[in-house]
PDB file of all heavy atoms in Angstrom:
ATOM      1  N   LEU A   1       6.272  -2.277  -7.295  1.00  0.00           N
ATOM      2  CA  LEU A   1       5.261  -1.516  -6.572  1.00  0.00           C
ATOM      3  C   LEU A   1       4.542  -0.529  -7.483  1.00  0.00           C
ATOM      4  O   LEU A   1       3.325  -0.324  -7.360  1.00  0.00           O
ATOM      5  CB  LEU A   1       5.901  -0.783  -5.394  1.00  0.00           C
ATOM      6  CG  LEU A   1       6.396  -1.672  -4.243  1.00  0.00           C
ATOM      7  CD1 LEU A   1       7.153  -0.845  -3.215  1.00  0.00           C
ATOM      8  CD2 LEU A   1       5.224  -2.386  -3.579  1.00  0.00           C
ATOM      9  N   LEU A   2       5.272   0.097  -8.404  1.00  0.00           N
ATOM     10  CA  LEU A   2       4.631   1.021  -9.349  1.00  0.00           C
ATOM     11  C   LEU A   2       3.634   0.289 -10.241  1.00  0.00           C
ATOM     12  O   LEU A   2       2.548   0.810 -10.529  1.00  0.00           O
ATOM     13  CB  LEU A   2       5.691   1.724 -10.198  1.00  0.00           C
ATOM     14  CG  LEU A   2       6.545   2.781  -9.496  1.00  0.00           C
ATOM     15  CD1 LEU A   2       7.626   3.306 -10.431  1.00  0.00           C
ATOM     16  CD2 LEU A   2       5.676   3.948  -9.009  1.00  0.00           C
ATOM     17  N   LEU A   3       4.004  -0.904 -10.685  1.00  0.00           N
ATOM     18  CA  LEU A   3       3.091  -1.691 -11.509  1.00  0.00           C
ATOM     19  C   LEU A   3       1.854  -2.110 -10.716  1.00  0.00           C
ATOM     20  O   LEU A   3       0.726  -2.051 -11.215  1.00  0.00           O
ATOM     21  CB  LEU A   3       3.809  -2.922 -12.064  1.00  0.00           C
ATOM     22  CG  LEU A   3       4.811  -2.669 -13.188  1.00  0.00           C
ATOM     23  CD1 LEU A   3       5.618  -3.929 -13.487  1.00  0.00           C
ATOM     24  CD2 LEU A   3       4.100  -2.202 -14.459  1.00  0.00           C
ATOM     25  N   GLU A   4       2.057  -2.548  -9.475  1.00  0.00           N
ATOM     26  CA  GLU A   4       0.929  -2.972  -8.646  1.00  0.00           C
ATOM     27  C   GLU A   4      -0.024  -1.822  -8.364  1.00  0.00           C
ATOM     28  O   GLU A   4      -1.242  -2.016  -8.310  1.00  0.00           O
ATOM     29  CB  GLU A   4       1.449  -3.555  -7.325  1.00  0.00           C
ATOM     30  CG  GLU A   4       2.131  -4.912  -7.468  1.00  0.00           C
ATOM     31  CD  GLU A   4       2.690  -5.407  -6.149  1.00  0.00           C
ATOM     32  OE1 GLU A   4       2.663  -4.634  -5.163  1.00  0.00           O
ATOM     33  OE2 GLU A   4       3.160  -6.561  -6.092  1.00  0.00           O
ATOM     34  N   ARG A   5       0.503  -0.603  -8.207  1.00  0.00           N
ATOM     35  CA  ARG A   5      -0.322   0.559  -7.877  1.00  0.00           C
ATOM     36  C   ARG A   5      -0.848   1.272  -9.115  1.00  0.00           C
ATOM     37  O   ARG A   5      -1.577   2.257  -8.994  1.00  0.00           O
ATOM     38  CB  ARG A   5       0.496   1.534  -7.016  1.00  0.00           C
ATOM     39  CG  ARG A   5       0.833   0.991  -5.634  1.00  0.00           C
ATOM     40  CD  ARG A   5       1.794   1.909  -4.899  1.00  0.00           C
ATOM     41  NE  ARG A   5       1.312   3.277  -4.842  1.00  0.00           N
ATOM     42  CZ  ARG A   5       0.417   3.730  -3.971  1.00  0.00           C
ATOM     43  NH1 ARG A   5      -0.080   2.884  -3.072  1.00  0.00           N
ATOM     44  NH2 ARG A   5       0.024   4.973  -3.980  1.00  0.00           N
ATOM     45  N   GLY A   6      -0.474   0.780 -10.315  1.00  0.00           N
ATOM     46  CA  GLY A   6      -0.942   1.402 -11.544  1.00  0.00           C
ATOM     47  C   GLY A   6      -0.366   2.786 -11.780  1.00  0.00           C
ATOM     48  O   GLY A   6      -1.023   3.648 -12.370  1.00  0.00           O
ATOM     49  N   GLU A   7       0.869   3.040 -11.331  1.00  0.00           N
ATOM     50  CA  GLU A   7       1.474   4.364 -11.418  1.00  0.00           C
ATOM     51  C   GLU A   7       2.653   4.415 -12.383  1.00  0.00           C
ATOM     52  O   GLU A   7       3.396   5.394 -12.383  1.00  0.00           O
ATOM     53  CB  GLU A   7       1.927   4.828 -10.028  1.00  0.00           C
ATOM     54  CG  GLU A   7       0.795   4.996  -9.033  1.00  0.00           C
ATOM     55  CD  GLU A   7       1.269   5.486  -7.670  1.00  0.00           C
ATOM     56  OE1 GLU A   7       2.468   5.792  -7.552  1.00  0.00           O
ATOM     57  OE2 GLU A   7       0.450   5.556  -6.742  1.00  0.00           O
ATOM     58  N   MET A   8       2.807   3.392 -13.220  1.00  0.00           N
ATOM     59  CA  MET A   8       3.954   3.377 -14.123  1.00  0.00           C
ATOM     60  C   MET A   8       3.875   4.496 -15.158  1.00  0.00           C
ATOM     61  O   MET A   8       4.899   5.050 -15.585  1.00  0.00           O
ATOM     62  CB  MET A   8       4.039   2.019 -14.823  1.00  0.00           C
ATOM     63  CG  MET A   8       5.305   1.841 -15.666  1.00  0.00           C
ATOM     64  SD  MET A   8       6.820   2.031 -14.703  1.00  0.00           S
ATOM     65  CE  MET A   8       6.845   0.480 -13.844  1.00  0.00           C
ATOM     66  N   ASP A   9       2.653   4.871 -15.584  1.00  0.00           N
ATOM     67  CA  ASP A   9       2.492   5.900 -16.604  1.00  0.00           C
ATOM     68  C   ASP A   9       2.309   7.288 -16.023  1.00  0.00           C
ATOM     69  O   ASP A   9       2.045   8.237 -16.769  1.00  0.00           O
ATOM     70  CB  ASP A   9       1.283   5.565 -17.496  1.00  0.00           C
ATOM     71  CG  ASP A   9       1.535   4.324 -18.344  1.00  0.00           C
ATOM     72  OD1 ASP A   9       2.695   4.101 -18.728  1.00  0.00           O
ATOM     73  OD2 ASP A   9       0.579   3.589 -18.625  1.00  0.00           O
ATOM     74  N   THR A  10       2.420   7.439 -14.706  1.00  0.00           N
ATOM     75  CA  THR A  10       2.299   8.758 -14.095  1.00  0.00           C
ATOM     76  C   THR A  10       3.614   9.522 -14.248  1.00  0.00           C
ATOM     77  O   THR A  10       4.652   8.963 -14.642  1.00  0.00           O
ATOM     78  CB  THR A  10       1.951   8.630 -12.610  1.00  0.00           C
ATOM     79  OG1 THR A  10       3.012   7.908 -11.941  1.00  0.00           O
ATOM     80  CG2 THR A  10       0.652   7.859 -12.420  1.00  0.00           C
ATOM     81  N   ALA A  11       3.565  10.808 -13.918  1.00  0.00           N
ATOM     82  CA  ALA A  11       4.775  11.635 -14.039  1.00  0.00           C
ATOM     83  C   ALA A  11       5.887  11.107 -13.138  1.00  0.00           C
ATOM     84  O   ALA A  11       7.043  10.980 -13.556  1.00  0.00           O
ATOM     85  CB  ALA A  11       4.448  13.084 -13.699  1.00  0.00           C
ATOM     86  N   GLN A  12       5.525  10.786 -11.879  1.00  0.00           N
ATOM     87  CA  GLN A  12       6.548  10.270 -10.965  1.00  0.00           C
ATOM     88  C   GLN A  12       6.999   8.870 -11.355  1.00  0.00           C
ATOM     89  O   GLN A  12       8.159   8.492 -11.128  1.00  0.00           O
ATOM     90  CB  GLN A  12       6.041  10.278  -9.521  1.00  0.00           C
ATOM     91  CG  GLN A  12       4.901   9.313  -9.225  1.00  0.00           C
ATOM     92  CD  GLN A  12       3.547   9.939  -9.418  1.00  0.00           C
ATOM     93  OE1 GLN A  12       3.431  10.970 -10.083  1.00  0.00           O
ATOM     94  NE2 GLN A  12       2.520   9.360  -8.841  1.00  0.00           N
ATOM     95  N   GLY A  13       6.099   8.082 -11.977  1.00  0.00           N
ATOM     96  CA  GLY A  13       6.479   6.745 -12.424  1.00  0.00           C
ATOM     97  C   GLY A  13       7.501   6.794 -13.544  1.00  0.00           C
ATOM     98  O   GLY A  13       8.507   6.066 -13.522  1.00  0.00           O
ATOM     99  N   LYS A  14       7.258   7.644 -14.530  1.00  0.00           N
ATOM    100  CA  LYS A  14       8.202   7.766 -15.648  1.00  0.00           C
ATOM    101  C   LYS A  14       9.531   8.339 -15.184  1.00  0.00           C
ATOM    102  O   LYS A  14      10.600   7.912 -15.644  1.00  0.00           O
ATOM    103  CB  LYS A  14       7.596   8.645 -16.734  1.00  0.00           C
ATOM    104  CG  LYS A  14       6.390   8.027 -17.426  1.00  0.00           C
ATOM    105  CD  LYS A  14       5.802   8.972 -18.456  1.00  0.00           C
ATOM    106  CE  LYS A  14       4.600   8.348 -19.140  1.00  0.00           C
ATOM    107  NZ  LYS A  14       3.978   9.268 -20.123  1.00  0.00           N
ATOM    108  N   LEU A  15       9.476   9.321 -14.281  1.00  0.00           N
ATOM    109  CA  LEU A  15      10.712   9.915 -13.772  1.00  0.00           C
ATOM    110  C   LEU A  15      11.517   8.894 -12.972  1.00  0.00           C
ATOM    111  O   LEU A  15      12.744   8.787 -13.142  1.00  0.00           O
ATOM    112  CB  LEU A  15      10.368  11.124 -12.906  1.00  0.00           C
ATOM    113  CG  LEU A  15      11.543  11.852 -12.252  1.00  0.00           C
ATOM    114  CD1 LEU A  15      12.483  12.414 -13.304  1.00  0.00           C
ATOM    115  CD2 LEU A  15      11.031  12.979 -11.353  1.00  0.00           C
ATOM    116  N   SER A  16      10.840   8.140 -12.109  1.00  0.00           N
ATOM    117  CA  SER A  16      11.536   7.106 -11.326  1.00  0.00           C
ATOM    118  C   SER A  16      12.136   6.049 -12.235  1.00  0.00           C
ATOM    119  O   SER A  16      13.262   5.583 -12.012  1.00  0.00           O
ATOM    120  CB  SER A  16      10.562   6.455 -10.334  1.00  0.00           C
ATOM    121  OG  SER A  16      10.022   7.398  -9.453  1.00  0.00           O
ATOM    122  N   LEU A  17      11.403   5.670 -13.271  1.00  0.00           N
ATOM    123  CA  LEU A  17      11.906   4.684 -14.220  1.00  0.00           C
ATOM    124  C   LEU A  17      13.176   5.182 -14.901  1.00  0.00           C
ATOM    125  O   LEU A  17      14.156   4.433 -15.052  1.00  0.00           O
ATOM    126  CB  LEU A  17      10.828   4.378 -15.259  1.00  0.00           C
ATOM    127  CG  LEU A  17      11.229   3.476 -16.424  1.00  0.00           C
ATOM    128  CD1 LEU A  17      11.594   2.083 -15.927  1.00  0.00           C
ATOM    129  CD2 LEU A  17      10.102   3.391 -17.443  1.00  0.00           C
ATOM    130  N   ALA A  18      13.177   6.452 -15.310  1.00  0.00           N
ATOM    131  CA  ALA A  18      14.355   7.006 -15.983  1.00  0.00           C
ATOM    132  C   ALA A  18      15.571   7.026 -15.055  1.00  0.00           C
ATOM    133  O   ALA A  18      16.685   6.659 -15.460  1.00  0.00           O
ATOM    134  CB  ALA A  18      14.046   8.419 -16.481  1.00  0.00           C
ATOM    135  N   ILE A  19      15.375   7.432 -13.808  1.00  0.00           N
ATOM    136  CA  ILE A  19      16.491   7.481 -12.854  1.00  0.00           C
ATOM    137  C   ILE A  19      16.987   6.075 -12.525  1.00  0.00           C
ATOM    138  O   ILE A  19      18.201   5.826 -12.436  1.00  0.00           O
ATOM    139  CB  ILE A  19      16.067   8.236 -11.580  1.00  0.00           C
ATOM    140  CG1 ILE A  19      15.795   9.706 -11.910  1.00  0.00           C
ATOM    141  CG2 ILE A  19      17.143   8.125 -10.504  1.00  0.00           C
ATOM    142  CD1 ILE A  19      15.283  10.520 -10.738  1.00  0.00           C
ATOM    143  N   LEU A  20      16.071   5.132 -12.354  1.00  0.00           N
ATOM    144  CA  LEU A  20      16.466   3.748 -12.080  1.00  0.00           C
ATOM    145  C   LEU A  20      17.239   3.161 -13.248  1.00  0.00           C
ATOM    146  O   LEU A  20      18.216   2.415 -13.051  1.00  0.00           O
ATOM    147  CB  LEU A  20      15.228   2.902 -11.793  1.00  0.00           C
ATOM    148  CG  LEU A  20      14.547   3.133 -10.448  1.00  0.00           C
ATOM    149  CD1 LEU A  20      13.200   2.426 -10.411  1.00  0.00           C
ATOM    150  CD2 LEU A  20      15.423   2.654  -9.300  1.00  0.00           C
ATOM    151  N   LEU A  21      16.810   3.476 -14.455  1.00  0.00           N
ATOM    152  CA  LEU A  21      17.526   2.979 -15.629  1.00  0.00           C
ATOM    153  C   LEU A  21      18.941   3.540 -15.670  1.00  0.00           C
ATOM    154  O   LEU A  21      19.899   2.812 -15.960  1.00  0.00           O
ATOM    155  CB  LEU A  21      16.758   3.355 -16.894  1.00  0.00           C
ATOM    156  CG  LEU A  21      17.402   2.966 -18.230  1.00  0.00           C
ATOM    157  CD1 LEU A  21      17.652   1.468 -18.301  1.00  0.00           C
ATOM    158  CD2 LEU A  21      16.529   3.410 -19.396  1.00  0.00           C
ATOM    159  N   PHE A  22      19.086   4.820 -15.353  1.00  0.00           N
ATOM    160  CA  PHE A  22      20.427   5.417 -15.310  1.00  0.00           C
ATOM    161  C   PHE A  22      21.274   4.750 -14.236  1.00  0.00           C
ATOM    162  O   PHE A  22      22.465   4.488 -14.436  1.00  0.00           O
ATOM    163  CB  PHE A  22      20.314   6.920 -15.052  1.00  0.00           C
ATOM    164  CG  PHE A  22      21.636   7.629 -15.060  1.00  0.00           C
ATOM    165  CD1 PHE A  22      22.221   8.025 -16.256  1.00  0.00           C
ATOM    166  CD2 PHE A  22      22.314   7.883 -13.877  1.00  0.00           C
ATOM    167  CE1 PHE A  22      23.453   8.666 -16.264  1.00  0.00           C
ATOM    168  CE2 PHE A  22      23.536   8.522 -13.876  1.00  0.00           C
ATOM    169  CZ  PHE A  22      24.111   8.918 -15.074  1.00  0.00           C
ATOM    170  N   GLN A  23      20.682   4.463 -13.075  1.00  0.00           N
ATOM    171  CA  GLN A  23      21.418   3.783 -12.019  1.00  0.00           C
ATOM    172  C   GLN A  23      21.874   2.395 -12.468  1.00  0.00           C
ATOM    173  O   GLN A  23      23.008   1.978 -12.173  1.00  0.00           O
ATOM    174  CB  GLN A  23      20.538   3.656 -10.770  1.00  0.00           C
ATOM    175  CG  GLN A  23      20.244   4.958 -10.063  1.00  0.00           C
ATOM    176  CD  GLN A  23      19.364   4.758  -8.853  1.00  0.00           C
ATOM    177  OE1 GLN A  23      18.942   3.650  -8.554  1.00  0.00           O
ATOM    178  NE2 GLN A  23      19.060   5.835  -8.143  1.00  0.00           N
ATOM    179  N   ASP A  24      20.990   1.680 -13.173  1.00  0.00           N
ATOM    180  CA  ASP A  24      21.367   0.345 -13.644  1.00  0.00           C
ATOM    181  C   ASP A  24      22.521   0.413 -14.637  1.00  0.00           C
ATOM    182  O   ASP A  24      23.379  -0.478 -14.669  1.00  0.00           O
ATOM    183  CB  ASP A  24      20.157  -0.340 -14.287  1.00  0.00           C
ATOM    184  CG  ASP A  24      19.087  -0.683 -13.263  1.00  0.00           C
ATOM    185  OD1 ASP A  24      19.431  -0.794 -12.077  1.00  0.00           O
ATOM    186  OD2 ASP A  24      17.914  -0.813 -13.644  1.00  0.00           O
TER     187      ASP A  24
END
């Protein structure tokens, strides 16, 4: 969804990515 909405490079996108990576 972040990729589809173009929000991967936003502040919330990077933060969500970091937390998801930690969860994985």
